[in-house]
Amino acid sequence: MSFNIVLLYPQIPNNTGNIGRLCVATNTILHLIEPLGFELSDKYLKRAGLDYWQHLEYHIYDSFDTFMAKYSDKPMCFFSAKAKQSFWDHSFQKEQFLLFGREADGLPDTIKEQYAAQLVKIPFEGKVRSFNLANAVSIALFEAIRQTR
């Protein structure tokens, strides 16, 4: 059983490459929702994912609506630095979908409003707005794995 990482409009190929490598290491499925800020053949994506990209199970969707039409009945949580609930208080389920917004501005307000009950954050005390996307995905995924092992 694997988790599902969903990147909504990712912009930076290095982040997606690193997340792809993480997904291969953890038998996690990666879902990419367009538009992407890079080509999948991008040299930075491949450099970050190294030679693991061919082992990655990933799917691409032309829109958030297309993605949701296929998976709306699945357990999901949406990550946002603006959420009220800590991910430490969220009970993860195997095969859950963990959704992350793009690097520059996170999830769109419409999604945060529509899925407010499923919105969680990774708490931090330092003076930053948020974590790097690849780091946030790693933190969240390993907490989900820890809870369900």
N, C-alpha and C. Protein backbone atom coordinates (compact mmCIF):
# COMPACT_ATOMS: atom_id res chain seq x y z
N MET A 1 0.84 -1.17 0.00
CA MET A 1 0.00 0.00 0.00
C MET A 1 0.88 1.24 0.00
N SER A 2 0.56 2.15 -0.83
CA SER A 2 1.38 3.34 -0.93
C SER A 2 0.53 4.59 -0.73
N PHE A 3 1.23 5.64 -0.38
CA PHE A 3 0.59 6.95 -0.29
C PHE A 3 0.60 7.58 -1.67
N ASN A 4 -0.04 8.71 -1.77
CA ASN A 4 -0.11 9.46 -3.02
C ASN A 4 0.26 10.90 -2.74
N ILE A 5 1.27 11.39 -3.43
CA ILE A 5 1.67 12.79 -3.33
C ILE A 5 1.10 13.49 -4.55
N VAL A 6 0.43 14.62 -4.31
CA VAL A 6 -0.17 15.39 -5.39
C VAL A 6 0.46 16.78 -5.38
N LEU A 7 1.04 17.16 -6.51
CA LEU A 7 1.61 18.49 -6.67
C LEU A 7 0.73 19.29 -7.62
N LEU A 8 0.14 20.33 -7.08
CA LEU A 8 -0.75 21.19 -7.86
C LEU A 8 0.06 22.35 -8.42
N TYR A 9 0.23 22.35 -9.74
CA TYR A 9 0.94 23.40 -10.47
C TYR A 9 2.40 23.59 -10.04
N PRO A 10 3.17 22.52 -9.90
CA PRO A 10 4.57 22.70 -9.47
C PRO A 10 5.34 23.56 -10.46
N GLN A 11 6.27 24.36 -9.93
CA GLN A 11 7.00 25.32 -10.76
C GLN A 11 8.49 25.02 -10.91
N ILE A 12 9.07 24.38 -9.91
CA ILE A 12 10.53 24.23 -9.87
C ILE A 12 10.91 22.78 -10.13
N PRO A 13 11.61 22.52 -11.23
CA PRO A 13 11.92 21.13 -11.59
C PRO A 13 12.74 20.40 -10.54
N ASN A 14 13.66 21.09 -9.87
CA ASN A 14 14.48 20.42 -8.85
C ASN A 14 13.61 19.87 -7.73
N ASN A 15 12.61 20.63 -7.30
CA ASN A 15 11.72 20.15 -6.25
C ASN A 15 10.98 18.89 -6.70
N THR A 16 10.42 18.94 -7.89
CA THR A 16 9.66 17.79 -8.39
C THR A 16 10.58 16.59 -8.58
N GLY A 17 11.81 16.81 -9.04
CA GLY A 17 12.77 15.71 -9.18
C GLY A 17 13.09 15.08 -7.83
N ASN A 18 13.31 15.91 -6.82
CA ASN A 18 13.59 15.38 -5.49
C ASN A 18 12.38 14.66 -4.91
N ILE A 19 11.20 15.17 -5.16
CA ILE A 19 9.98 14.51 -4.68
C ILE A 19 9.79 13.19 -5.42
N GLY A 20 10.10 13.15 -6.70
CA GLY A 20 10.02 11.91 -7.45
C GLY A 20 10.95 10.85 -6.87
N ARG A 21 12.15 11.26 -6.53
CA ARG A 21 13.12 10.33 -5.92
C ARG A 21 12.60 9.83 -4.58
N LEU A 22 12.03 10.72 -3.76
CA LEU A 22 11.42 10.34 -2.49
C LEU A 22 10.30 9.33 -2.71
N CYS A 23 9.49 9.57 -3.73
CA CYS A 23 8.38 8.65 -4.02
C CYS A 23 8.88 7.26 -4.40
N VAL A 24 9.94 7.19 -5.19
CA VAL A 24 10.52 5.89 -5.54
C VAL A 24 11.01 5.19 -4.28
N ALA A 25 11.67 5.93 -3.39
CA ALA A 25 12.23 5.34 -2.17
C ALA A 25 11.16 4.82 -1.22
N THR A 26 9.95 5.39 -1.29
CA THR A 26 8.89 5.04 -0.34
C THR A 26 7.71 4.32 -1.00
N ASN A 27 7.86 3.92 -2.25
CA ASN A 27 6.77 3.28 -3.00
C ASN A 27 5.50 4.13 -2.97
N THR A 28 5.69 5.41 -3.20
CA THR A 28 4.60 6.38 -3.21
C THR A 28 4.32 6.79 -4.65
N ILE A 29 3.07 7.01 -4.97
CA ILE A 29 2.66 7.43 -6.30
C ILE A 29 2.65 8.95 -6.36
N LEU A 30 3.18 9.52 -7.44
CA LEU A 30 3.22 10.96 -7.64
C LEU A 30 2.18 11.37 -8.67
N HIS A 31 1.40 12.38 -8.33
CA HIS A 31 0.38 12.93 -9.23
C HIS A 31 0.73 14.39 -9.49
N LEU A 32 0.83 14.77 -10.75
CA LEU A 32 1.18 16.13 -11.15
C LEU A 32 -0.01 16.76 -11.86
N ILE A 33 -0.42 17.93 -11.38
CA ILE A 33 -1.55 18.62 -11.98
C ILE A 33 -1.05 19.84 -12.73
N GLU A 34 -1.37 19.89 -14.00
CA GLU A 34 -0.93 20.98 -14.88
C GLU A 34 -1.72 22.25 -14.60
N PRO A 35 -1.10 23.40 -14.94
CA PRO A 35 0.14 23.53 -15.70
C PRO A 35 1.38 23.33 -14.83
N LEU A 36 2.39 22.73 -15.44
CA LEU A 36 3.68 22.55 -14.80
C LEU A 36 4.58 23.72 -15.22
N GLY A 37 5.46 24.13 -14.35
CA GLY A 37 6.36 25.23 -14.67
C GLY A 37 7.62 24.78 -15.37
N PHE A 38 7.62 23.59 -15.95
CA PHE A 38 8.79 23.01 -16.59
C PHE A 38 8.33 21.86 -17.48
N GLU A 39 9.23 21.37 -18.29
CA GLU A 39 8.97 20.19 -19.11
C GLU A 39 9.45 18.96 -18.34
N LEU A 40 8.79 17.85 -18.51
CA LEU A 40 9.23 16.63 -17.82
C LEU A 40 10.59 16.15 -18.31
N SER A 41 11.03 16.65 -19.44
CA SER A 41 12.36 16.30 -19.93
C SER A 41 13.43 17.26 -19.41
N ASP A 42 13.04 18.21 -18.57
CA ASP A 42 13.94 19.23 -18.06
C ASP A 42 15.17 18.61 -17.41
N LYS A 43 16.34 19.13 -17.73
CA LYS A 43 17.59 18.57 -17.19
C LYS A 43 17.67 18.71 -15.68
N TYR A 44 17.08 19.75 -15.12
CA TYR A 44 17.11 19.93 -13.66
C TYR A 44 16.23 18.91 -12.96
N LEU A 45 15.11 18.57 -13.57
CA LEU A 45 14.23 17.53 -13.04
C LEU A 45 14.97 16.21 -13.01
N LYS A 46 15.61 15.88 -14.11
CA LYS A 46 16.33 14.61 -14.20
C LYS A 46 17.54 14.59 -13.27
N ARG A 47 18.23 15.72 -13.14
CA ARG A 47 19.38 15.77 -12.26
C ARG A 47 18.94 15.53 -10.81
N ALA A 48 17.86 16.16 -10.39
CA ALA A 48 17.38 16.00 -9.01
C ALA A 48 16.85 14.59 -8.77
N GLY A 49 16.19 14.01 -9.77
CA GLY A 49 15.65 12.66 -9.64
C GLY A 49 16.66 11.59 -9.95
N LEU A 50 17.80 12.02 -10.45
CA LEU A 50 18.89 11.14 -10.84
C LEU A 50 18.38 10.03 -11.75
N ASP A 51 18.85 8.84 -11.54
CA ASP A 51 18.45 7.76 -12.43
C ASP A 51 17.25 6.98 -11.89
N TYR A 52 16.51 7.57 -10.98
CA TYR A 52 15.37 6.89 -10.38
C TYR A 52 14.06 7.17 -11.11
N TRP A 53 14.05 8.19 -11.95
CA TRP A 53 12.80 8.63 -12.56
C TRP A 53 12.10 7.50 -13.32
N GLN A 54 12.86 6.61 -13.94
CA GLN A 54 12.24 5.52 -14.70
C GLN A 54 11.50 4.53 -13.79
N HIS A 55 11.78 4.55 -12.49
CA HIS A 55 11.10 3.65 -11.55
C HIS A 55 9.90 4.31 -10.88
N LEU A 56 9.68 5.57 -11.18
CA LEU A 56 8.61 6.33 -10.53
C LEU A 56 7.26 6.04 -11.19
N GLU A 57 6.26 5.75 -10.34
CA GLU A 57 4.89 5.69 -10.85
C GLU A 57 4.31 7.09 -10.70
N TYR A 58 3.99 7.71 -11.83
CA TYR A 58 3.43 9.05 -11.78
C TYR A 58 2.33 9.20 -12.82
N HIS A 59 1.45 10.15 -12.54
CA HIS A 59 0.31 10.43 -13.42
C HIS A 59 0.20 11.95 -13.57
N ILE A 60 -0.22 12.38 -14.74
CA ILE A 60 -0.37 13.80 -15.03
C ILE A 60 -1.83 14.08 -15.37
N TYR A 61 -2.34 15.19 -14.84
CA TYR A 61 -3.74 15.59 -15.07
C TYR A 61 -3.73 16.99 -15.64
N ASP A 62 -4.66 17.24 -16.55
CA ASP A 62 -4.70 18.55 -17.20
C ASP A 62 -5.35 19.63 -16.34
N SER A 63 -5.97 19.24 -15.23
CA SER A 63 -6.58 20.22 -14.34
C SER A 63 -6.89 19.59 -12.99
N PHE A 64 -7.11 20.44 -12.00
CA PHE A 64 -7.50 19.97 -10.68
C PHE A 64 -8.85 19.27 -10.76
N ASP A 65 -9.76 19.79 -11.57
CA ASP A 65 -11.08 19.19 -11.73
C ASP A 65 -10.99 17.78 -12.30
N THR A 66 -10.11 17.57 -13.26
CA THR A 66 -9.91 16.24 -13.84
C THR A 66 -9.39 15.28 -12.78
N PHE A 67 -8.43 15.74 -11.98
CA PHE A 67 -7.89 14.92 -10.91
C PHE A 67 -8.99 14.55 -9.91
N MET A 68 -9.76 15.54 -9.48
CA MET A 68 -10.81 15.31 -8.47
C MET A 68 -11.93 14.42 -9.01
N ALA A 69 -12.22 14.51 -10.28
CA ALA A 69 -13.24 13.65 -10.87
C ALA A 69 -12.87 12.18 -10.73
N LYS A 70 -11.58 11.91 -10.73
CA LYS A 70 -11.11 10.53 -10.61
C LYS A 70 -10.96 10.08 -9.17
N TYR A 71 -10.60 10.98 -8.25
CA TYR A 71 -10.22 10.57 -6.90
C TYR A 71 -11.02 11.22 -5.77
N SER A 72 -12.10 11.88 -6.06
CA SER A 72 -12.83 12.62 -5.02
C SER A 72 -13.33 11.74 -3.87
N ASP A 73 -13.44 10.44 -4.11
CA ASP A 73 -13.91 9.53 -3.07
C ASP A 73 -12.77 8.98 -2.19
N LYS A 74 -11.55 9.42 -2.44
CA LYS A 74 -10.38 8.93 -1.69
C LYS A 74 -10.07 9.86 -0.52
N PRO A 75 -9.43 9.32 0.54
CA PRO A 75 -9.04 10.19 1.65
C PRO A 75 -7.94 11.15 1.22
N MET A 76 -8.11 12.43 1.57
CA MET A 76 -7.16 13.46 1.16
C MET A 76 -6.90 14.41 2.30
N CYS A 77 -5.71 14.97 2.28
CA CYS A 77 -5.44 16.13 3.12
C CYS A 77 -4.65 17.13 2.29
N PHE A 78 -4.94 18.39 2.53
CA PHE A 78 -4.39 19.49 1.77
C PHE A 78 -3.45 20.27 2.69
N PHE A 79 -2.22 20.48 2.26
CA PHE A 79 -1.23 21.15 3.10
C PHE A 79 -1.14 22.63 2.76
N SER A 80 -1.20 23.43 3.82
CA SER A 80 -1.10 24.88 3.66
C SER A 80 -0.51 25.47 4.94
N ALA A 81 0.43 26.39 4.78
CA ALA A 81 1.00 27.07 5.94
C ALA A 81 -0.06 27.90 6.65
N LYS A 82 -1.19 28.16 5.98
CA LYS A 82 -2.26 28.98 6.57
C LYS A 82 -3.34 28.13 7.27
N ALA A 83 -3.19 26.82 7.28
CA ALA A 83 -4.18 25.96 7.93
C ALA A 83 -4.14 26.16 9.44
N LYS A 84 -5.22 25.84 10.08
CA LYS A 84 -5.30 25.93 11.55
C LYS A 84 -4.86 24.62 12.21
N GLN A 85 -5.21 23.49 11.61
CA GLN A 85 -4.92 22.19 12.22
C GLN A 85 -3.49 21.74 11.88
N SER A 86 -2.77 21.28 12.88
CA SER A 86 -1.44 20.72 12.69
C SER A 86 -1.55 19.33 12.08
N PHE A 87 -0.60 18.97 11.26
CA PHE A 87 -0.61 17.62 10.70
C PHE A 87 -0.32 16.58 11.77
N TRP A 88 0.22 16.99 12.92
CA TRP A 88 0.42 16.06 14.03
C TRP A 88 -0.91 15.61 14.61
N ASP A 89 -1.94 16.40 14.43
CA ASP A 89 -3.28 16.07 14.94
C ASP A 89 -4.15 15.39 13.89
N HIS A 90 -3.62 15.19 12.72
CA HIS A 90 -4.35 14.54 11.63
C HIS A 90 -4.07 13.03 11.67
N SER A 91 -5.08 12.23 11.52
CA SER A 91 -4.91 10.77 11.47
C SER A 91 -4.79 10.34 10.01
N PHE A 92 -3.58 10.04 9.61
CA PHE A 92 -3.34 9.62 8.23
C PHE A 92 -3.83 8.19 8.01
N GLN A 93 -4.23 7.92 6.78
CA GLN A 93 -4.68 6.59 6.38
C GLN A 93 -3.78 6.10 5.25
N LYS A 94 -3.58 4.79 5.20
CA LYS A 94 -2.81 4.24 4.08
C LYS A 94 -3.50 4.61 2.78
N GLU A 95 -2.71 4.86 1.77
CA GLU A 95 -3.16 5.23 0.44
C GLU A 95 -3.75 6.63 0.37
N GLN A 96 -3.63 7.41 1.44
CA GLN A 96 -4.16 8.76 1.45
C GLN A 96 -3.44 9.64 0.43
N PHE A 97 -4.15 10.64 -0.06
CA PHE A 97 -3.59 11.61 -0.99
C PHE A 97 -3.17 12.84 -0.19
N LEU A 98 -1.91 13.24 -0.34
CA LEU A 98 -1.36 14.42 0.33
C LEU A 98 -1.14 15.48 -0.75
N LEU A 99 -1.90 16.56 -0.69
CA LEU A 99 -1.87 17.58 -1.74
C LEU A 99 -1.11 18.82 -1.31
N PHE A 100 -0.28 19.31 -2.24
CA PHE A 100 0.57 20.48 -2.00
C PHE A 100 0.42 21.45 -3.16
N GLY A 101 0.39 22.74 -2.83
CA GLY A 101 0.30 23.78 -3.85
C GLY A 101 1.66 24.13 -4.41
N ARG A 102 1.65 25.08 -5.31
CA ARG A 102 2.90 25.45 -5.97
C ARG A 102 3.80 26.25 -5.05
N GLU A 103 5.06 26.28 -5.41
CA GLU A 103 6.09 26.85 -4.56
C GLU A 103 5.86 28.32 -4.24
N ALA A 104 5.44 29.12 -5.19
CA ALA A 104 5.35 30.56 -4.99
C ALA A 104 4.24 30.98 -4.04
N ASP A 105 3.10 30.31 -4.12
CA ASP A 105 1.96 30.79 -3.34
C ASP A 105 1.06 29.70 -2.78
N GLY A 106 1.49 28.47 -2.80
CA GLY A 106 0.72 27.40 -2.18
C GLY A 106 -0.57 27.07 -2.91
N LEU A 107 -1.53 26.58 -2.16
CA LEU A 107 -2.82 26.20 -2.73
C LEU A 107 -3.65 27.44 -3.04
N PRO A 108 -4.42 27.41 -4.12
CA PRO A 108 -5.32 28.53 -4.40
C PRO A 108 -6.36 28.69 -3.28
N ASP A 109 -6.78 29.93 -3.04
CA ASP A 109 -7.77 30.20 -1.99
C ASP A 109 -9.05 29.40 -2.19
N THR A 110 -9.48 29.21 -3.42
CA THR A 110 -10.71 28.47 -3.67
C THR A 110 -10.61 27.03 -3.17
N ILE A 111 -9.46 26.42 -3.33
CA ILE A 111 -9.26 25.04 -2.85
C ILE A 111 -9.19 25.04 -1.32
N LYS A 112 -8.48 26.00 -0.74
CA LYS A 112 -8.39 26.07 0.73
C LYS A 112 -9.78 26.26 1.34
N GLU A 113 -10.61 27.05 0.70
CA GLU A 113 -11.96 27.27 1.21
C GLU A 113 -12.84 26.02 1.04
N GLN A 114 -12.78 25.42 -0.13
CA GLN A 114 -13.62 24.25 -0.42
C GLN A 114 -13.25 23.05 0.44
N TYR A 115 -11.98 22.88 0.75
CA TYR A 115 -11.51 21.72 1.50
C TYR A 115 -10.97 22.11 2.88
N ALA A 116 -11.54 23.13 3.48
CA ALA A 116 -11.06 23.65 4.77
C ALA A 116 -11.01 22.58 5.85
N ALA A 117 -11.95 21.65 5.85
CA ALA A 117 -11.97 20.60 6.87
C ALA A 117 -10.82 19.62 6.70
N GLN A 118 -10.20 19.59 5.53
CA GLN A 118 -9.10 18.66 5.25
C GLN A 118 -7.76 19.38 5.17
N LEU A 119 -7.73 20.64 5.58
CA LEU A 119 -6.54 21.47 5.48
C LEU A 119 -5.68 21.30 6.73
N VAL A 120 -4.39 21.01 6.53
CA VAL A 120 -3.45 20.84 7.64
C VAL A 120 -2.17 21.61 7.34
N LYS A 121 -1.41 21.86 8.41
CA LYS A 121 -0.13 22.55 8.23
C LYS A 121 0.97 21.80 8.96
N ILE A 122 2.17 22.05 8.52
CA ILE A 122 3.36 21.57 9.23
C ILE A 122 3.78 22.74 10.11
N PRO A 123 3.67 22.58 11.42
CA PRO A 123 3.99 23.71 12.29
C PRO A 123 5.49 24.00 12.35
N PHE A 124 5.81 25.27 12.51
CA PHE A 124 7.20 25.68 12.70
C PHE A 124 7.22 26.97 13.50
N GLU A 125 8.30 27.18 14.21
CA GLU A 125 8.40 28.34 15.08
C GLU A 125 9.33 29.41 14.53
N GLY A 126 10.14 29.07 13.56
CA GLY A 126 11.12 30.02 13.03
C GLY A 126 10.49 31.11 12.20
N LYS A 127 11.29 32.03 11.78
CA LYS A 127 10.84 33.20 11.04
C LYS A 127 10.89 32.96 9.53
N VAL A 128 10.10 32.01 9.06
CA VAL A 128 9.95 31.76 7.62
C VAL A 128 8.45 31.68 7.32
N ARG A 129 8.09 31.90 6.06
CA ARG A 129 6.68 31.80 5.67
C ARG A 129 6.24 30.35 5.52
N SER A 130 7.17 29.51 5.04
CA SER A 130 6.82 28.12 4.76
C SER A 130 8.10 27.34 4.52
N PHE A 131 7.94 26.04 4.36
CA PHE A 131 9.07 25.17 4.01
C PHE A 131 9.21 25.08 2.50
N ASN A 132 10.39 24.73 2.04
CA ASN A 132 10.59 24.37 0.65
C ASN A 132 9.66 23.21 0.33
N LEU A 133 9.11 23.18 -0.88
CA LEU A 133 8.12 22.16 -1.25
C LEU A 133 8.66 20.74 -1.07
N ALA A 134 9.86 20.46 -1.54
CA ALA A 134 10.40 19.10 -1.41
C ALA A 134 10.58 18.72 0.06
N ASN A 135 11.00 19.67 0.88
CA ASN A 135 11.14 19.40 2.31
C ASN A 135 9.77 19.16 2.95
N ALA A 136 8.80 19.98 2.61
CA ALA A 136 7.45 19.82 3.17
C ALA A 136 6.86 18.46 2.81
N VAL A 137 7.03 18.04 1.57
CA VAL A 137 6.52 16.73 1.15
C VAL A 137 7.22 15.63 1.95
N SER A 138 8.52 15.74 2.13
CA SER A 138 9.26 14.73 2.90
C SER A 138 8.77 14.66 4.34
N ILE A 139 8.63 15.80 4.97
CA ILE A 139 8.15 15.84 6.36
C ILE A 139 6.78 15.20 6.47
N ALA A 140 5.86 15.61 5.60
CA ALA A 140 4.48 15.11 5.64
C ALA A 140 4.42 13.61 5.35
N LEU A 141 5.12 13.18 4.33
CA LEU A 141 5.07 11.78 3.94
C LEU A 141 5.61 10.88 5.05
N PHE A 142 6.70 11.28 5.68
CA PHE A 142 7.26 10.43 6.73
C PHE A 142 6.41 10.43 7.99
N GLU A 143 5.70 11.51 8.26
CA GLU A 143 4.74 11.47 9.38
C GLU A 143 3.60 10.52 9.04
N ALA A 144 3.12 10.55 7.81
CA ALA A 144 2.05 9.62 7.39
C ALA A 144 2.52 8.17 7.49
N ILE A 145 3.74 7.92 7.05
CA ILE A 145 4.30 6.57 7.13
C ILE A 145 4.45 6.15 8.60
N ARG A 146 4.96 7.06 9.42
CA ARG A 146 5.14 6.75 10.84
C ARG A 146 3.81 6.36 11.49
N GLN A 147 2.77 7.13 11.20
CA GLN A 147 1.47 6.86 11.80
C GLN A 147 0.86 5.54 11.35
N THR A 148 1.14 5.12 10.15
CA THR A 148 0.45 3.95 9.59
C THR A 148 1.31 2.69 9.52
N ARG A 149 2.51 2.75 10.04
CA ARG A 149 3.41 1.59 9.93
C ARG A 149 2.95 0.45 10.82
